[in-house]
Amino acid sequence: MPAEPLITDEQRAQLLANGHARAADAQADLWPVVRLFTPDAHATWLLAALNPADGDTAWGLCDVGIGMPELGTIRLSDLAAIVGPDQLPVRRDLHFHAMRPMSEYLRLAQDNGSITD
């Protein structure tokens, strides 16, 4: 069975639109579009925007499982190459629906030391 893509075409379009909005206003409080995670480790990424210049650099809340989630960037191509300790690749949460803007996800993640939903 082929692996699910990290992001769908619809999510890519929304991430790029958010990337344009973020380029116009760096303070824009975007909502995450997709949640990616490692099924055999404790890493999670809530991605809200994609750099329109390269279509690969994503911006969002990054939690690599060490208790210090932070806003930052990561390349989708790098995420696609990551495997956890059991050799499982990064996966897209098929059931994720954003419930709050990034500022709230960041606040809650920093309070809890990890992304909780």
PDB file of N, CA and C in Angstrom:
ATOM      1  N   MET A   1       0.847  -1.182   0.000  1.00  0.00           N
ATOM      2  CA  MET A   1       0.000   0.000   0.000  1.00  0.00           C
ATOM      3  C   MET A   1       0.891   1.243   0.000  1.00  0.00           C
ATOM      4  N   PRO A   2       0.724   2.168  -0.957  1.00  0.00           N
ATOM      5  CA  PRO A   2       1.574   3.358  -0.994  1.00  0.00           C
ATOM      6  C   PRO A   2       1.301   4.277   0.194  1.00  0.00           C
ATOM      7  N   ALA A   3       2.343   4.944   0.638  1.00  0.00           N
ATOM      8  CA  ALA A   3       2.206   5.872   1.757  1.00  0.00           C
ATOM      9  C   ALA A   3       1.387   7.095   1.331  1.00  0.00           C
ATOM     10  N   GLU A   4       0.658   7.648   2.273  1.00  0.00           N
ATOM     11  CA  GLU A   4      -0.070   8.888   2.029  1.00  0.00           C
ATOM     12  C   GLU A   4       0.954  10.010   1.806  1.00  0.00           C
ATOM     13  N   PRO A   5       0.669  10.948   0.905  1.00  0.00           N
ATOM     14  CA  PRO A   5       1.588  12.086   0.755  1.00  0.00           C
ATOM     15  C   PRO A   5       1.587  12.931   2.031  1.00  0.00           C
ATOM     16  N   LEU A   6       2.686  13.639   2.274  1.00  0.00           N
ATOM     17  CA  LEU A   6       2.758  14.476   3.467  1.00  0.00           C
ATOM     18  C   LEU A   6       1.671  15.544   3.463  1.00  0.00           C
ATOM     19  N   ILE A   7       1.400  16.113   2.290  1.00  0.00           N
ATOM     20  CA  ILE A   7       0.315  17.089   2.180  1.00  0.00           C
ATOM     21  C   ILE A   7      -0.457  16.810   0.890  1.00  0.00           C
ATOM     22  N   THR A   8      -1.740  17.105   0.933  1.00  0.00           N
ATOM     23  CA  THR A   8      -2.570  16.943  -0.258  1.00  0.00           C
ATOM     24  C   THR A   8      -2.427  18.173  -1.150  1.00  0.00           C
ATOM     25  N   ASP A   9      -2.921  18.087  -2.367  1.00  0.00           N
ATOM     26  CA  ASP A   9      -2.898  19.247  -3.272  1.00  0.00           C
ATOM     27  C   ASP A   9      -3.683  20.409  -2.673  1.00  0.00           C
ATOM     28  N   GLU A  10      -4.811  20.111  -2.044  1.00  0.00           N
ATOM     29  CA  GLU A  10      -5.629  21.165  -1.419  1.00  0.00           C
ATOM     30  C   GLU A  10      -4.869  21.815  -0.258  1.00  0.00           C
ATOM     31  N   GLN A  11      -4.199  21.007   0.551  1.00  0.00           N
ATOM     32  CA  GLN A  11      -3.409  21.561   1.655  1.00  0.00           C
ATOM     33  C   GLN A  11      -2.238  22.385   1.128  1.00  0.00           C
ATOM     34  N   ARG A  12      -1.592  21.918   0.056  1.00  0.00           N
ATOM     35  CA  ARG A  12      -0.494  22.680  -0.543  1.00  0.00           C
ATOM     36  C   ARG A  12      -0.998  24.056  -0.985  1.00  0.00           C
ATOM     37  N   ALA A  13      -2.166  24.099  -1.623  1.00  0.00           N
ATOM     38  CA  ALA A  13      -2.734  25.374  -2.077  1.00  0.00           C
ATOM     39  C   ALA A  13      -3.004  26.297  -0.892  1.00  0.00           C
ATOM     40  N   GLN A  14      -3.556  25.763   0.199  1.00  0.00           N
ATOM     41  CA  GLN A  14      -3.840  26.582   1.385  1.00  0.00           C
ATOM     42  C   GLN A  14      -2.546  27.041   2.056  1.00  0.00           C
ATOM     43  N   LEU A  15      -1.567  26.144   2.145  1.00  0.00           N
ATOM     44  CA  LEU A  15      -0.275  26.514   2.732  1.00  0.00           C
ATOM     45  C   LEU A  15       0.409  27.615   1.922  1.00  0.00           C
ATOM     46  N   LEU A  16       0.334  27.523   0.596  1.00  0.00           N
ATOM     47  CA  LEU A  16       0.922  28.567  -0.257  1.00  0.00           C
ATOM     48  C   LEU A  16       0.173  29.885  -0.099  1.00  0.00           C
ATOM     49  N   ALA A  17      -1.166  29.840  -0.033  1.00  0.00           N
ATOM     50  CA  ALA A  17      -1.951  31.066   0.189  1.00  0.00           C
ATOM     51  C   ALA A  17      -1.559  31.695   1.524  1.00  0.00           C
ATOM     52  N   ASN A  18      -1.401  30.865   2.560  1.00  0.00           N
ATOM     53  CA  ASN A  18      -0.971  31.379   3.859  1.00  0.00           C
ATOM     54  C   ASN A  18       0.456  31.922   3.786  1.00  0.00           C
ATOM     55  N   GLY A  19       1.289  31.311   2.950  1.00  0.00           N
ATOM     56  CA  GLY A  19       2.650  31.811   2.764  1.00  0.00           C
ATOM     57  C   GLY A  19       2.655  33.207   2.171  1.00  0.00           C
ATOM     58  N   HIS A  20       1.779  33.440   1.205  1.00  0.00           N
ATOM     59  CA  HIS A  20       1.647  34.783   0.630  1.00  0.00           C
ATOM     60  C   HIS A  20       1.143  35.761   1.693  1.00  0.00           C
ATOM     61  N   ALA A  21       0.162  35.345   2.498  1.00  0.00           N
ATOM     62  CA  ALA A  21      -0.371  36.210   3.554  1.00  0.00           C
ATOM     63  C   ALA A  21       0.710  36.526   4.585  1.00  0.00           C
ATOM     64  N   ARG A  22       1.517  35.530   4.935  1.00  0.00           N
ATOM     65  CA  ARG A  22       2.586  35.731   5.915  1.00  0.00           C
ATOM     66  C   ARG A  22       3.671  36.646   5.363  1.00  0.00           C
ATOM     67  N   ALA A  23       3.950  36.542   4.054  1.00  0.00           N
ATOM     68  CA  ALA A  23       4.937  37.419   3.427  1.00  0.00           C
ATOM     69  C   ALA A  23       4.464  38.876   3.460  1.00  0.00           C
ATOM     70  N   ALA A  24       3.154  39.069   3.327  1.00  0.00           N
ATOM     71  CA  ALA A  24       2.589  40.420   3.351  1.00  0.00           C
ATOM     72  C   ALA A  24       2.479  40.966   4.769  1.00  0.00           C
ATOM     73  N   ASP A  25       2.298  40.083   5.753  1.00  0.00           N
ATOM     74  CA  ASP A  25       2.132  40.491   7.148  1.00  0.00           C
ATOM     75  C   ASP A  25       2.720  39.408   8.046  1.00  0.00           C
ATOM     76  N   ALA A  26       3.961  39.581   8.453  1.00  0.00           N
ATOM     77  CA  ALA A  26       4.665  38.575   9.256  1.00  0.00           C
ATOM     78  C   ALA A  26       3.983  38.327  10.599  1.00  0.00           C
ATOM     79  N   GLN A  27       3.135  39.250  11.035  1.00  0.00           N
ATOM     80  CA  GLN A  27       2.448  39.095  12.319  1.00  0.00           C
ATOM     81  C   GLN A  27       1.096  38.390  12.190  1.00  0.00           C
ATOM     82  N   ALA A  28       0.720  37.994  10.982  1.00  0.00           N
ATOM     83  CA  ALA A  28      -0.566  37.326  10.773  1.00  0.00           C
ATOM     84  C   ALA A  28      -0.637  36.066  11.642  1.00  0.00           C
ATOM     85  N   ASP A  29      -1.746  35.901  12.346  1.00  0.00           N
ATOM     86  CA  ASP A  29      -1.936  34.733  13.216  1.00  0.00           C
ATOM     87  C   ASP A  29      -2.684  33.670  12.416  1.00  0.00           C
ATOM     88  N   LEU A  30      -1.919  32.882  11.671  1.00  0.00           N
ATOM     89  CA  LEU A  30      -2.490  31.875  10.783  1.00  0.00           C
ATOM     90  C   LEU A  30      -2.984  30.666  11.560  1.00  0.00           C
ATOM     91  N   TRP A  31      -3.849  29.910  10.924  1.00  0.00           N
ATOM     92  CA  TRP A  31      -4.315  28.644  11.485  1.00  0.00           C
ATOM     93  C   TRP A  31      -3.531  27.518  10.832  1.00  0.00           C
ATOM     94  N   PRO A  32      -3.168  26.485  11.586  1.00  0.00           N
ATOM     95  CA  PRO A  32      -2.457  25.366  10.968  1.00  0.00           C
ATOM     96  C   PRO A  32      -3.327  24.665   9.932  1.00  0.00           C
ATOM     97  N   VAL A  33      -2.680  24.141   8.911  1.00  0.00           N
ATOM     98  CA  VAL A  33      -3.370  23.474   7.811  1.00  0.00           C
ATOM     99  C   VAL A  33      -3.229  21.960   7.925  1.00  0.00           C
ATOM    100  N   VAL A  34      -2.070  21.510   8.399  1.00  0.00           N
ATOM    101  CA  VAL A  34      -1.794  20.074   8.436  1.00  0.00           C
ATOM    102  C   VAL A  34      -0.967  19.744   9.675  1.00  0.00           C
ATOM    103  N   ARG A  35      -1.199  18.544  10.212  1.00  0.00           N
ATOM    104  CA  ARG A  35      -0.404  18.038  11.334  1.00  0.00           C
ATOM    105  C   ARG A  35       0.355  16.816  10.827  1.00  0.00           C
ATOM    106  N   LEU A  36       1.682  16.863  10.963  1.00  0.00           N
ATOM    107  CA  LEU A  36       2.535  15.738  10.603  1.00  0.00           C
ATOM    108  C   LEU A  36       3.166  15.202  11.884  1.00  0.00           C
ATOM    109  N   PHE A  37       3.474  13.904  11.891  1.00  0.00           N
ATOM    110  CA  PHE A  37       4.026  13.301  13.101  1.00  0.00           C
ATOM    111  C   PHE A  37       4.843  12.063  12.764  1.00  0.00           C
ATOM    112  N   THR A  38       5.680  11.674  13.704  1.00  0.00           N
ATOM    113  CA  THR A  38       6.405  10.408  13.598  1.00  0.00           C
ATOM    114  C   THR A  38       5.647   9.394  14.451  1.00  0.00           C
ATOM    115  N   PRO A  39       5.196   8.288  13.857  1.00  0.00           N
ATOM    116  CA  PRO A  39       4.421   7.321  14.623  1.00  0.00           C
ATOM    117  C   PRO A  39       5.249   6.550  15.656  1.00  0.00           C
ATOM    118  N   ASP A  40       6.578   6.533  15.509  1.00  0.00           N
ATOM    119  CA  ASP A  40       7.423   5.766  16.419  1.00  0.00           C
ATOM    120  C   ASP A  40       8.405   6.652  17.193  1.00  0.00           C
ATOM    121  N   ALA A  41       8.119   7.927  17.237  1.00  0.00           N
ATOM    122  CA  ALA A  41       8.908   8.876  18.029  1.00  0.00           C
ATOM    123  C   ALA A  41       7.917   9.928  18.534  1.00  0.00           C
ATOM    124  N   HIS A  42       8.403  10.976  19.112  1.00  0.00           N
ATOM    125  CA  HIS A  42       7.495  11.970  19.692  1.00  0.00           C
ATOM    126  C   HIS A  42       7.614  13.315  18.997  1.00  0.00           C
ATOM    127  N   ALA A  43       7.761  13.312  17.684  1.00  0.00           N
ATOM    128  CA  ALA A  43       7.888  14.555  16.940  1.00  0.00           C
ATOM    129  C   ALA A  43       6.575  14.887  16.237  1.00  0.00           C
ATOM    130  N   THR A  44       6.226  16.171  16.258  1.00  0.00           N
ATOM    131  CA  THR A  44       4.994  16.651  15.636  1.00  0.00           C
ATOM    132  C   THR A  44       5.266  18.009  15.007  1.00  0.00           C
ATOM    133  N   TRP A  45       4.658  18.235  13.860  1.00  0.00           N
ATOM    134  CA  TRP A  45       4.746  19.530  13.186  1.00  0.00           C
ATOM    135  C   TRP A  45       3.349  19.973  12.814  1.00  0.00           C
ATOM    136  N   LEU A  46       2.958  21.175  13.249  1.00  0.00           N
ATOM    137  CA  LEU A  46       1.714  21.812  12.817  1.00  0.00           C
ATOM    138  C   LEU A  46       2.117  22.881  11.818  1.00  0.00           C
ATOM    139  N   LEU A  47       1.836  22.639  10.547  1.00  0.00           N
ATOM    140  CA  LEU A  47       2.289  23.544   9.504  1.00  0.00           C
ATOM    141  C   LEU A  47       1.169  24.479   9.080  1.00  0.00           C
ATOM    142  N   ALA A  48       1.517  25.771   8.973  1.00  0.00           N
ATOM    143  CA  ALA A  48       0.520  26.788   8.645  1.00  0.00           C
ATOM    144  C   ALA A  48       0.795  27.488   7.325  1.00  0.00           C
ATOM    145  N   ALA A  49       2.038  27.473   6.845  1.00  0.00           N
ATOM    146  CA  ALA A  49       2.371  28.227   5.633  1.00  0.00           C
ATOM    147  C   ALA A  49       3.502  27.539   4.890  1.00  0.00           C
ATOM    148  N   LEU A  50       3.545  27.809   3.598  1.00  0.00           N
ATOM    149  CA  LEU A  50       4.599  27.288   2.730  1.00  0.00           C
ATOM    150  C   LEU A  50       5.172  28.473   1.969  1.00  0.00           C
ATOM    151  N   ASN A  51       6.492  28.571   1.949  1.00  0.00           N
ATOM    152  CA  ASN A  51       7.158  29.673   1.260  1.00  0.00           C
ATOM    153  C   ASN A  51       6.841  29.586  -0.232  1.00  0.00           C
ATOM    154  N   PRO A  52       6.173  30.607  -0.794  1.00  0.00           N
ATOM    155  CA  PRO A  52       5.834  30.557  -2.217  1.00  0.00           C
ATOM    156  C   PRO A  52       7.049  30.606  -3.135  1.00  0.00           C
ATOM    157  N   ALA A  53       8.185  31.087  -2.625  1.00  0.00           N
ATOM    158  CA  ALA A  53       9.383  31.203  -3.456  1.00  0.00           C
ATOM    159  C   ALA A  53       9.979  29.837  -3.793  1.00  0.00           C
ATOM    160  N   ASP A  54       9.891  28.878  -2.847  1.00  0.00           N
ATOM    161  CA  ASP A  54      10.482  27.563  -3.125  1.00  0.00           C
ATOM    162  C   ASP A  54       9.480  26.411  -3.049  1.00  0.00           C
ATOM    163  N   GLY A  55       8.306  26.652  -2.476  1.00  0.00           N
ATOM    164  CA  GLY A  55       7.282  25.608  -2.396  1.00  0.00           C
ATOM    165  C   GLY A  55       7.681  24.427  -1.543  1.00  0.00           C
ATOM    166  N   ASP A  56       8.758  24.571  -0.750  1.00  0.00           N
ATOM    167  CA  ASP A  56       9.252  23.456   0.053  1.00  0.00           C
ATOM    168  C   ASP A  56       9.453  23.827   1.521  1.00  0.00           C
ATOM    169  N   THR A  57       9.738  25.076   1.795  1.00  0.00           N
ATOM    170  CA  THR A  57      10.009  25.503   3.161  1.00  0.00           C
ATOM    171  C   THR A  57       8.694  25.838   3.859  1.00  0.00           C
ATOM    172  N   ALA A  58       8.373  25.018   4.859  1.00  0.00           N
ATOM    173  CA  ALA A  58       7.126  25.198   5.606  1.00  0.00           C
ATOM    174  C   ALA A  58       7.412  25.933   6.911  1.00  0.00           C
ATOM    175  N   TRP A  59       6.411  26.680   7.369  1.00  0.00           N
ATOM    176  CA  TRP A  59       6.493  27.401   8.636  1.00  0.00           C
ATOM    177  C   TRP A  59       5.385  26.899   9.544  1.00  0.00           C
ATOM    178  N   GLY A  60       5.725  26.705  10.800  1.00  0.00           N
ATOM    179  CA  GLY A  60       4.705  26.284  11.754  1.00  0.00           C
ATOM    180  C   GLY A  60       5.300  25.990  13.112  1.00  0.00           C
ATOM    181  N   LEU A  61       4.559  25.235  13.879  1.00  0.00           N
ATOM    182  CA  LEU A  61       4.949  24.862  15.227  1.00  0.00           C
ATOM    183  C   LEU A  61       5.655  23.512  15.159  1.00  0.00           C
ATOM    184  N   CYS A  62       6.908  23.497  15.576  1.00  0.00           N
ATOM    185  CA  CYS A  62       7.742  22.296  15.496  1.00  0.00           C
ATOM    186  C   CYS A  62       7.984  21.754  16.904  1.00  0.00           C
ATOM    187  N   ASP A  63       7.727  20.481  17.094  1.00  0.00           N
ATOM    188  CA  ASP A  63       7.903  19.828  18.386  1.00  0.00           C
ATOM    189  C   ASP A  63       8.644  18.522  18.131  1.00  0.00           C
ATOM    190  N   VAL A  64       9.944  18.517  18.378  1.00  0.00           N
ATOM    191  CA  VAL A  64      10.740  17.320  18.101  1.00  0.00           C
ATOM    192  C   VAL A  64      10.824  16.384  19.307  1.00  0.00           C
ATOM    193  N   GLY A  65       9.973  16.617  20.294  1.00  0.00           N
ATOM    194  CA  GLY A  65       9.849  15.676  21.406  1.00  0.00           C
ATOM    195  C   GLY A  65      10.842  15.866  22.535  1.00  0.00           C
ATOM    196  N   ILE A  66      11.440  17.066  22.638  1.00  0.00           N
ATOM    197  CA  ILE A  66      12.405  17.311  23.717  1.00  0.00           C
ATOM    198  C   ILE A  66      11.894  18.356  24.714  1.00  0.00           C
ATOM    199  N   GLY A  67      10.588  18.634  24.663  1.00  0.00           N
ATOM    200  CA  GLY A  67       9.981  19.541  25.633  1.00  0.00           C
ATOM    201  C   GLY A  67      10.114  21.014  25.329  1.00  0.00           C
ATOM    202  N   MET A  68      10.525  21.349  24.090  1.00  0.00           N
ATOM    203  CA  MET A  68      10.707  22.760  23.738  1.00  0.00           C
ATOM    204  C   MET A  68      10.079  23.075  22.374  1.00  0.00           C
ATOM    205  N   PRO A  69       8.754  22.976  22.253  1.00  0.00           N
ATOM    206  CA  PRO A  69       8.128  23.302  20.971  1.00  0.00           C
ATOM    207  C   PRO A  69       8.324  24.776  20.635  1.00  0.00           C
ATOM    208  N   GLU A  70       8.527  25.061  19.345  1.00  0.00           N
ATOM    209  CA  GLU A  70       8.743  26.447  18.938  1.00  0.00           C
ATOM    210  C   GLU A  70       8.299  26.660  17.501  1.00  0.00           C
ATOM    211  N   LEU A  71       8.025  27.907  17.186  1.00  0.00           N
ATOM    212  CA  LEU A  71       7.715  28.264  15.811  1.00  0.00           C
ATOM    213  C   LEU A  71       9.002  28.252  15.007  1.00  0.00           C
ATOM    214  N   GLY A  72       8.915  27.741  13.790  1.00  0.00           N
ATOM    215  CA  GLY A  72      10.106  27.700  12.956  1.00  0.00           C
ATOM    216  C   GLY A  72       9.793  27.181  11.570  1.00  0.00           C
ATOM    217  N   THR A  73      10.840  26.913  10.822  1.00  0.00           N
ATOM    218  CA  THR A  73      10.680  26.417   9.458  1.00  0.00           C
ATOM    219  C   THR A  73      11.332  25.053   9.317  1.00  0.00           C
ATOM    220  N   ILE A  74      10.807  24.294   8.392  1.00  0.00           N
ATOM    221  CA  ILE A  74      11.374  23.006   8.026  1.00  0.00           C
ATOM    222  C   ILE A  74      10.995  22.724   6.585  1.00  0.00           C
ATOM    223  N   ARG A  75      11.873  22.070   5.872  1.00  0.00           N
ATOM    224  CA  ARG A  75      11.609  21.747   4.466  1.00  0.00           C
ATOM    225  C   ARG A  75      10.780  20.463   4.399  1.00  0.00           C
ATOM    226  N   LEU A  76       9.751  20.471   3.569  1.00  0.00           N
ATOM    227  CA  LEU A  76       8.958  19.264   3.370  1.00  0.00           C
ATOM    228  C   LEU A  76       9.833  18.124   2.863  1.00  0.00           C
ATOM    229  N   SER A  77      10.800  18.446   2.021  1.00  0.00           N
ATOM    230  CA  SER A  77      11.707  17.408   1.504  1.00  0.00           C
ATOM    231  C   SER A  77      12.516  16.776   2.637  1.00  0.00           C
ATOM    232  N   ASP A  78      12.869  17.560   3.662  1.00  0.00           N
ATOM    233  CA  ASP A  78      13.570  16.994   4.823  1.00  0.00           C
ATOM    234  C   ASP A  78      12.633  16.107   5.634  1.00  0.00           C
ATOM    235  N   LEU A  79      11.392  16.552   5.827  1.00  0.00           N
ATOM    236  CA  LEU A  79      10.413  15.737   6.557  1.00  0.00           C
ATOM    237  C   LEU A  79      10.178  14.406   5.857  1.00  0.00           C
ATOM    238  N   ALA A  80      10.139  14.437   4.531  1.00  0.00           N
ATOM    239  CA  ALA A  80       9.895  13.213   3.764  1.00  0.00           C
ATOM    240  C   ALA A  80      11.026  12.208   3.933  1.00  0.00           C
ATOM    241  N   ALA A  81      12.209  12.678   4.326  1.00  0.00           N
ATOM    242  CA  ALA A  81      13.363  11.798   4.474  1.00  0.00           C
ATOM    243  C   ALA A  81      13.525  11.264   5.898  1.00  0.00           C
ATOM    244  N   ILE A  82      12.763  11.786   6.839  1.00  0.00           N
ATOM    245  CA  ILE A  82      12.903  11.381   8.242  1.00  0.00           C
ATOM    246  C   ILE A  82      12.228  10.030   8.476  1.00  0.00           C
ATOM    247  N   VAL A  83      12.929   9.170   9.200  1.00  0.00           N
ATOM    248  CA  VAL A  83      12.325   7.937   9.702  1.00  0.00           C
ATOM    249  C   VAL A  83      12.631   7.841  11.187  1.00  0.00           C
ATOM    250  N   GLY A  84      11.708   7.262  11.914  1.00  0.00           N
ATOM    251  CA  GLY A  84      11.886   7.105  13.352  1.00  0.00           C
ATOM    252  C   GLY A  84      12.713   5.871  13.676  1.00  0.00           C
ATOM    253  N   PRO A  85      12.829   5.547  14.970  1.00  0.00           N
ATOM    254  CA  PRO A  85      13.663   4.424  15.394  1.00  0.00           C
ATOM    255  C   PRO A  85      13.207   3.069  14.833  1.00  0.00           C
ATOM    256  N   ASP A  86      11.933   2.939  14.519  1.00  0.00           N
ATOM    257  CA  ASP A  86      11.420   1.695  13.931  1.00  0.00           C
ATOM    258  C   ASP A  86      11.324   1.791  12.410  1.00  0.00           C
ATOM    259  N   GLN A  87      12.024   2.790  11.845  1.00  0.00           N
ATOM    260  CA  GLN A  87      12.078   3.006  10.390  1.00  0.00           C
ATOM    261  C   GLN A  87      10.732   3.409   9.790  1.00  0.00           C
ATOM    262  N   LEU A  88       9.845   3.969  10.603  1.00  0.00           N
ATOM    263  CA  LEU A  88       8.562   4.464  10.101  1.00  0.00           C
ATOM    264  C   LEU A  88       8.712   5.915   9.659  1.00  0.00           C
ATOM    265  N   PRO A  89       8.170   6.271   8.496  1.00  0.00           N
ATOM    266  CA  PRO A  89       8.299   7.641   7.995  1.00  0.00           C
ATOM    267  C   PRO A  89       7.332   8.597   8.692  1.00  0.00           C
ATOM    268  N   VAL A  90       7.581   9.886   8.494  1.00  0.00           N
ATOM    269  CA  VAL A  90       6.660  10.924   8.956  1.00  0.00           C
ATOM    270  C   VAL A  90       5.322  10.718   8.240  1.00  0.00           C
ATOM    271  N   ARG A  91       4.244  10.910   8.979  1.00  0.00           N
ATOM    272  CA  ARG A  91       2.905  10.726   8.412  1.00  0.00           C
ATOM    273  C   ARG A  91       2.051  11.955   8.654  1.00  0.00           C
ATOM    274  N   ARG A  92       1.028  12.070   7.826  1.00  0.00           N
ATOM    275  CA  ARG A  92       0.039  13.136   7.964  1.00  0.00           C
ATOM    276  C   ARG A  92      -1.110  12.617   8.820  1.00  0.00           C
ATOM    277  N   ASP A  93      -1.547  13.435   9.766  1.00  0.00           N
ATOM    278  CA  ASP A  93      -2.701  13.099  10.591  1.00  0.00           C
ATOM    279  C   ASP A  93      -3.950  13.304   9.735  1.00  0.00           C
ATOM    280  N   LEU A  94      -4.560  12.217   9.341  1.00  0.00           N
ATOM    281  CA  LEU A  94      -5.722  12.279   8.447  1.00  0.00           C
ATOM    282  C   LEU A  94      -6.953  12.850   9.127  1.00  0.00           C
ATOM    283  N   HIS A  95      -6.934  12.931  10.449  1.00  0.00           N
ATOM    284  CA  HIS A  95      -8.112  13.391  11.198  1.00  0.00           C
ATOM    285  C   HIS A  95      -7.934  14.764  11.820  1.00  0.00           C
ATOM    286  N   PHE A  96      -6.811  15.433  11.522  1.00  0.00           N
ATOM    287  CA  PHE A  96      -6.545  16.742  12.128  1.00  0.00           C
ATOM    288  C   PHE A  96      -7.417  17.830  11.517  1.00  0.00           C
ATOM    289  N   HIS A  97      -8.032  18.614  12.379  1.00  0.00           N
ATOM    290  CA  HIS A  97      -8.761  19.828  11.994  1.00  0.00           C
ATOM    291  C   HIS A  97      -8.381  20.899  13.009  1.00  0.00           C
ATOM    292  N   ALA A  98      -7.793  21.968  12.533  1.00  0.00           N
ATOM    293  CA  ALA A  98      -7.353  23.039  13.434  1.00  0.00           C
ATOM    294  C   ALA A  98      -8.529  23.578  14.236  1.00  0.00           C
ATOM    295  N   MET A  99      -8.281  23.798  15.506  1.00  0.00           N
ATOM    296  CA  MET A  99      -9.303  24.307  16.412  1.00  0.00           C
ATOM    297  C   MET A  99      -8.997  25.718  16.913  1.00  0.00           C
ATOM    298  N   ARG A 100      -7.784  26.210  16.593  1.00  0.00           N
ATOM    299  CA  ARG A 100      -7.366  27.511  17.108  1.00  0.00           C
ATOM    300  C   ARG A 100      -6.229  28.037  16.248  1.00  0.00           C
ATOM    301  N   PRO A 101      -5.921  29.338  16.345  1.00  0.00           N
ATOM    302  CA  PRO A 101      -4.798  29.900  15.580  1.00  0.00           C
ATOM    303  C   PRO A 101      -3.456  29.455  16.159  1.00  0.00           C
ATOM    304  N   MET A 102      -2.412  29.665  15.379  1.00  0.00           N
ATOM    305  CA  MET A 102      -1.065  29.232  15.777  1.00  0.00           C
ATOM    306  C   MET A 102      -0.643  29.820  17.127  1.00  0.00           C
ATOM    307  N   SER A 103      -1.014  31.058  17.402  1.00  0.00           N
ATOM    308  CA  SER A 103      -0.603  31.662  18.673  1.00  0.00           C
ATOM    309  C   SER A 103      -1.122  30.855  19.859  1.00  0.00           C
ATOM    310  N   GLU A 104      -2.331  30.323  19.747  1.00  0.00           N
ATOM    311  CA  GLU A 104      -2.898  29.515  20.824  1.00  0.00           C
ATOM    312  C   GLU A 104      -2.238  28.141  20.896  1.00  0.00           C
ATOM    313  N   TYR A 105      -1.988  27.518  19.728  1.00  0.00           N
ATOM    314  CA  TYR A 105      -1.260  26.240  19.733  1.00  0.00           C
ATOM    315  C   TYR A 105       0.114  26.421  20.361  1.00  0.00           C
ATOM    316  N   LEU A 106       0.793  27.520  20.033  1.00  0.00           N
ATOM    317  CA  LEU A 106       2.120  27.787  20.588  1.00  0.00           C
ATOM    318  C   LEU A 106       2.042  27.953  22.100  1.00  0.00           C
ATOM    319  N   ARG A 107       1.104  28.768  22.574  1.00  0.00           N
ATOM    320  CA  ARG A 107       0.969  29.004  24.017  1.00  0.00           C
ATOM    321  C   ARG A 107       0.708  27.691  24.755  1.00  0.00           C
ATOM    322  N   LEU A 108      -0.232  26.902  24.257  1.00  0.00           N
ATOM    323  CA  LEU A 108      -0.560  25.629  24.906  1.00  0.00           C
ATOM    324  C   LEU A 108       0.613  24.652  24.860  1.00  0.00           C
ATOM    325  N   ALA A 109       1.312  24.599  23.733  1.00  0.00           N
ATOM    326  CA  ALA A 109       2.453  23.686  23.604  1.00  0.00           C
ATOM    327  C   ALA A 109       3.579  24.092  24.552  1.00  0.00           C
ATOM    328  N   GLN A 110       3.822  25.386  24.679  1.00  0.00           N
ATOM    329  CA  GLN A 110       4.876  25.843  25.582  1.00  0.00           C
ATOM    330  C   GLN A 110       4.480  25.581  27.035  1.00  0.00           C
ATOM    331  N   ASP A 111       3.199  25.753  27.361  1.00  0.00           N
ATOM    332  CA  ASP A 111       2.724  25.454  28.717  1.00  0.00           C
ATOM    333  C   ASP A 111       2.867  23.969  29.043  1.00  0.00           C
ATOM    334  N   ASN A 112       2.607  23.101  28.053  1.00  0.00           N
ATOM    335  CA  ASN A 112       2.612  21.655  28.264  1.00  0.00           C
ATOM    336  C   ASN A 112       3.940  20.993  27.919  1.00  0.00           C
ATOM    337  N   GLY A 113       4.823  21.695  27.233  1.00  0.00           N
ATOM    338  CA  GLY A 113       6.084  21.106  26.810  1.00  0.00           C
ATOM    339  C   GLY A 113       5.965  20.248  25.561  1.00  0.00           C
ATOM    340  N   SER A 114       4.776  20.228  24.966  1.00  0.00           N
ATOM    341  CA  SER A 114       4.564  19.477  23.718  1.00  0.00           C
ATOM    342  C   SER A 114       3.237  19.887  23.100  1.00  0.00           C
ATOM    343  N   ILE A 115       3.089  19.573  21.823  1.00  0.00           N
ATOM    344  CA  ILE A 115       1.815  19.815  21.139  1.00  0.00           C
ATOM    345  C   ILE A 115       0.842  18.764  21.647  1.00  0.00           C
ATOM    346  N   THR A 116      -0.291  19.211  22.156  1.00  0.00           N
ATOM    347  CA  THR A 116      -1.220  18.283  22.801  1.00  0.00           C
ATOM    348  C   THR A 116      -2.336  17.798  21.899  1.00  0.00           C
ATOM    349  N   ASP A 117      -2.596  18.499  20.790  1.00  0.00           N
ATOM    350  CA  ASP A 117      -3.642  18.027  19.882  1.00  0.00           C
ATOM    351  C   ASP A 117      -3.347  18.452  18.470  1.00  0.00           C
TER     352      ASP A 117
END
